[in-house]
Amino acid sequence: MRYTLLLHYPEATAESIGAEAIEEGQRAFQSYAKALDAAGVLLTAEVLQPSVTTTTVRVADGALRVQDGPFADTKEQLGGTFVIEVPDLDAALEWAGKAPSVAWGAVEVRPGAVYYADGAWRPNA
């Protein structure tokens, strides 16, 4: 079963928390990604650009609306994702609990419904 771990946490910069804290976080995520990979469960991972680079697109009143910034006004932003394939929710929760960012934000665990690979949509099973 595929699960996406969505990492939500307050955005930080080297100016706000210090370069050493940023480097420590990068080392922690490198270690986490290597552990997922070594366990054979990591499908993909991505760190996102800061939310100020976000553009949100939606249709309102029949017209396409483009908005600068994320769709929600919140102190926590989606900072990155890990897509893993594990036997069940319990295993996904165990890995989510090991994400470095769980110490300073939430990790949302969401099962996939379908995914696109090799030119076709495939059911998540």
C-alpha atoms as a PDB file:
ATOM      1  CA  MET A   1       0.000   0.000   0.000  1.00  0.00           C
ATOM      2  CA  ARG A   2       1.321   3.443  -0.936  1.00  0.00           C
ATOM      3  CA  TYR A   3       1.171   6.240   1.621  1.00  0.00           C
ATOM      4  CA  THR A   4       2.222   9.856   1.254  1.00  0.00           C
ATOM      5  CA  LEU A   5       3.761  11.471   4.310  1.00  0.00           C
ATOM      6  CA  LEU A   6       2.987  15.188   4.085  1.00  0.00           C
ATOM      7  CA  LEU A   7       5.309  17.219   6.294  1.00  0.00           C
ATOM      8  CA  HIS A   8       3.727  20.366   7.741  1.00  0.00           C
ATOM      9  CA  TYR A   9       5.845  22.710   9.828  1.00  0.00           C
ATOM     10  CA  PRO A  10       6.614  26.389  10.377  1.00  0.00           C
ATOM     11  CA  GLU A  11       8.882  27.689   7.660  1.00  0.00           C
ATOM     12  CA  ALA A  12      12.325  28.698   8.807  1.00  0.00           C
ATOM     13  CA  THR A  13      15.337  30.372   7.262  1.00  0.00           C
ATOM     14  CA  ALA A  14      18.974  30.474   8.244  1.00  0.00           C
ATOM     15  CA  GLU A  15      18.293  34.032   9.421  1.00  0.00           C
ATOM     16  CA  SER A  16      15.410  33.007  11.690  1.00  0.00           C
ATOM     17  CA  ILE A  17      16.874  29.854  13.271  1.00  0.00           C
ATOM     18  CA  GLY A  18      20.531  29.921  12.305  1.00  0.00           C
ATOM     19  CA  ALA A  19      22.611  28.177   9.679  1.00  0.00           C
ATOM     20  CA  GLU A  20      23.642  25.449  12.128  1.00  0.00           C
ATOM     21  CA  ALA A  21      20.004  24.468  12.768  1.00  0.00           C
ATOM     22  CA  ILE A  22      19.339  24.344   9.011  1.00  0.00           C
ATOM     23  CA  GLU A  23      22.385  22.095   8.494  1.00  0.00           C
ATOM     24  CA  GLU A  24      21.303  19.859  11.391  1.00  0.00           C
ATOM     25  CA  GLY A  25      17.849  19.521   9.817  1.00  0.00           C
ATOM     26  CA  GLN A  26      19.365  18.666   6.442  1.00  0.00           C
ATOM     27  CA  ARG A  27      21.507  15.955   8.058  1.00  0.00           C
ATOM     28  CA  ALA A  28      18.458  14.559   9.881  1.00  0.00           C
ATOM     29  CA  PHE A  29      16.420  14.385   6.664  1.00  0.00           C
ATOM     30  CA  GLN A  30      19.345  12.804   4.800  1.00  0.00           C
ATOM     31  CA  SER A  31      19.527  10.130   7.489  1.00  0.00           C
ATOM     32  CA  TYR A  32      15.736   9.606   7.414  1.00  0.00           C
ATOM     33  CA  ALA A  33      15.675   9.268   3.610  1.00  0.00           C
ATOM     34  CA  LYS A  34      18.550   6.785   3.726  1.00  0.00           C
ATOM     35  CA  ALA A  35      16.724   4.723   6.382  1.00  0.00           C
ATOM     36  CA  LEU A  36      13.536   4.621   4.267  1.00  0.00           C
ATOM     37  CA  ASP A  37      15.577   3.699   1.201  1.00  0.00           C
ATOM     38  CA  ALA A  38      17.559   1.009   3.023  1.00  0.00           C
ATOM     39  CA  ALA A  39      14.279  -0.504   4.260  1.00  0.00           C
ATOM     40  CA  GLY A  40      13.085  -0.677   0.640  1.00  0.00           C
ATOM     41  CA  VAL A  41       9.955   1.419   1.265  1.00  0.00           C
ATOM     42  CA  LEU A  42      10.904   4.800  -0.247  1.00  0.00           C
ATOM     43  CA  LEU A  43       9.335   5.511  -3.646  1.00  0.00           C
ATOM     44  CA  THR A  44      10.077   9.239  -3.847  1.00  0.00           C
ATOM     45  CA  ALA A  45      10.714  12.283  -1.676  1.00  0.00           C
ATOM     46  CA  GLU A  46      10.659  15.999  -2.331  1.00  0.00           C
ATOM     47  CA  VAL A  47      11.495  19.150  -0.409  1.00  0.00           C
ATOM     48  CA  LEU A  48       9.344  22.055  -1.549  1.00  0.00           C
ATOM     49  CA  GLN A  49      10.372  25.659  -2.153  1.00  0.00           C
ATOM     50  CA  PRO A  50       9.154  28.161   0.505  1.00  0.00           C
ATOM     51  CA  SER A  51       5.438  28.938   0.427  1.00  0.00           C
ATOM     52  CA  VAL A  52       6.103  32.458  -0.907  1.00  0.00           C
ATOM     53  CA  THR A  53       6.910  30.787  -4.242  1.00  0.00           C
ATOM     54  CA  THR A  54       3.492  29.091  -4.333  1.00  0.00           C
ATOM     55  CA  THR A  55       0.842  29.873  -6.908  1.00  0.00           C
ATOM     56  CA  THR A  56      -2.638  28.421  -6.394  1.00  0.00           C
ATOM     57  CA  VAL A  57      -5.048  27.851  -9.284  1.00  0.00           C
ATOM     58  CA  ARG A  58      -8.798  27.308  -8.906  1.00  0.00           C
ATOM     59  CA  VAL A  59     -12.033  27.938 -10.779  1.00  0.00           C
ATOM     60  CA  ALA A  60     -14.424  30.414  -9.153  1.00  0.00           C
ATOM     61  CA  ASP A  61     -17.641  31.628 -10.756  1.00  0.00           C
ATOM     62  CA  GLY A  62     -16.682  29.782 -13.936  1.00  0.00           C
ATOM     63  CA  ALA A  63     -13.384  31.630 -14.335  1.00  0.00           C
ATOM     64  CA  LEU A  64      -9.855  30.452 -13.717  1.00  0.00           C
ATOM     65  CA  ARG A  65      -8.345  32.296 -10.741  1.00  0.00           C
ATOM     66  CA  VAL A  66      -4.622  32.429 -10.100  1.00  0.00           C
ATOM     67  CA  GLN A  67      -3.553  33.432  -6.609  1.00  0.00           C
ATOM     68  CA  ASP A  68      -0.044  34.076  -5.350  1.00  0.00           C
ATOM     69  CA  GLY A  69       0.744  32.089  -2.254  1.00  0.00           C
ATOM     70  CA  PRO A  70      -0.688  28.989  -0.644  1.00  0.00           C
ATOM     71  CA  PHE A  71      -4.429  28.397  -0.478  1.00  0.00           C
ATOM     72  CA  ALA A  72      -4.607  28.503   3.327  1.00  0.00           C
ATOM     73  CA  ASP A  73      -3.508  31.146   5.796  1.00  0.00           C
ATOM     74  CA  THR A  74      -1.688  29.148   8.444  1.00  0.00           C
ATOM     75  CA  LYS A  75       1.532  29.235  10.419  1.00  0.00           C
ATOM     76  CA  GLU A  76       2.472  25.760   9.203  1.00  0.00           C
ATOM     77  CA  GLN A  77       3.115  25.078   5.545  1.00  0.00           C
ATOM     78  CA  LEU A  78       3.522  21.908   3.537  1.00  0.00           C
ATOM     79  CA  GLY A  79       7.290  21.594   3.418  1.00  0.00           C
ATOM     80  CA  GLY A  80       7.819  18.286   1.691  1.00  0.00           C
ATOM     81  CA  THR A  81       6.589  14.798   0.976  1.00  0.00           C
ATOM     82  CA  PHE A  82       7.757  11.221   1.155  1.00  0.00           C
ATOM     83  CA  VAL A  83       5.876   8.547  -0.792  1.00  0.00           C
ATOM     84  CA  ILE A  84       6.413   5.120   0.734  1.00  0.00           C
ATOM     85  CA  GLU A  85       5.107   1.646   0.032  1.00  0.00           C
ATOM     86  CA  VAL A  86       4.490  -0.383   3.177  1.00  0.00           C
ATOM     87  CA  PRO A  87       2.145  -3.243   4.123  1.00  0.00           C
ATOM     88  CA  ASP A  88      -0.344  -1.203   6.156  1.00  0.00           C
ATOM     89  CA  LEU A  89      -1.222   1.973   8.047  1.00  0.00           C
ATOM     90  CA  ASP A  90       0.618   0.836  11.168  1.00  0.00           C
ATOM     91  CA  ALA A  91       3.878   0.625   9.221  1.00  0.00           C
ATOM     92  CA  ALA A  92       3.241   4.029   7.629  1.00  0.00           C
ATOM     93  CA  LEU A  93       2.595   5.554  11.055  1.00  0.00           C
ATOM     94  CA  GLU A  94       5.786   4.035  12.395  1.00  0.00           C
ATOM     95  CA  TRP A  95       7.799   5.668   9.604  1.00  0.00           C
ATOM     96  CA  ALA A  96       5.924   8.967  10.023  1.00  0.00           C
ATOM     97  CA  GLY A  97       6.882   8.991  13.693  1.00  0.00           C
ATOM     98  CA  LYS A  98      10.542   8.843  12.666  1.00  0.00           C
ATOM     99  CA  ALA A  99      10.371  11.904  10.371  1.00  0.00           C
ATOM    100  CA  PRO A 100      12.652  14.623  11.757  1.00  0.00           C
ATOM    101  CA  SER A 101       9.966  17.291  11.307  1.00  0.00           C
ATOM    102  CA  VAL A 102       7.547  15.515  13.665  1.00  0.00           C
ATOM    103  CA  ALA A 103       9.493  17.308  16.436  1.00  0.00           C
ATOM    104  CA  TRP A 104       8.361  20.736  15.198  1.00  0.00           C
ATOM    105  CA  GLY A 105       5.237  20.090  13.100  1.00  0.00           C
ATOM    106  CA  ALA A 106       2.664  17.574  11.947  1.00  0.00           C
ATOM    107  CA  VAL A 107       3.169  14.661   9.600  1.00  0.00           C
ATOM    108  CA  GLU A 108      -0.030  13.830   7.748  1.00  0.00           C
ATOM    109  CA  VAL A 109      -0.255  10.201   6.634  1.00  0.00           C
ATOM    110  CA  ARG A 110      -2.570   9.745   3.685  1.00  0.00           C
ATOM    111  CA  PRO A 111      -3.104   6.562   1.679  1.00  0.00           C
ATOM    112  CA  GLY A 112      -2.954   6.911  -2.060  1.00  0.00           C
ATOM    113  CA  ALA A 113      -6.006   6.101  -4.171  1.00  0.00           C
ATOM    114  CA  VAL A 114      -4.409   5.752  -7.594  1.00  0.00           C
ATOM    115  CA  TYR A 115      -1.020   6.657  -8.997  1.00  0.00           C
ATOM    116  CA  TYR A 116       0.396   7.264 -12.459  1.00  0.00           C
ATOM    117  CA  ALA A 117       3.258   5.059 -13.678  1.00  0.00           C
ATOM    118  CA  ASP A 118       4.410   3.715 -17.023  1.00  0.00           C
ATOM    119  CA  GLY A 119       1.781   5.665 -18.973  1.00  0.00           C
ATOM    120  CA  ALA A 120      -1.278   4.582 -17.000  1.00  0.00           C
ATOM    121  CA  TRP A 121      -3.218   5.222 -13.804  1.00  0.00           C
ATOM    122  CA  ARG A 122      -2.894   2.291 -11.416  1.00  0.00           C
ATOM    123  CA  PRO A 123      -4.894   1.432  -8.299  1.00  0.00           C
ATOM    124  CA  ASN A 124      -3.134   1.617  -4.964  1.00  0.00           C
ATOM    125  CA  ALA A 125      -3.264  -1.835  -3.435  1.00  0.00           C
END
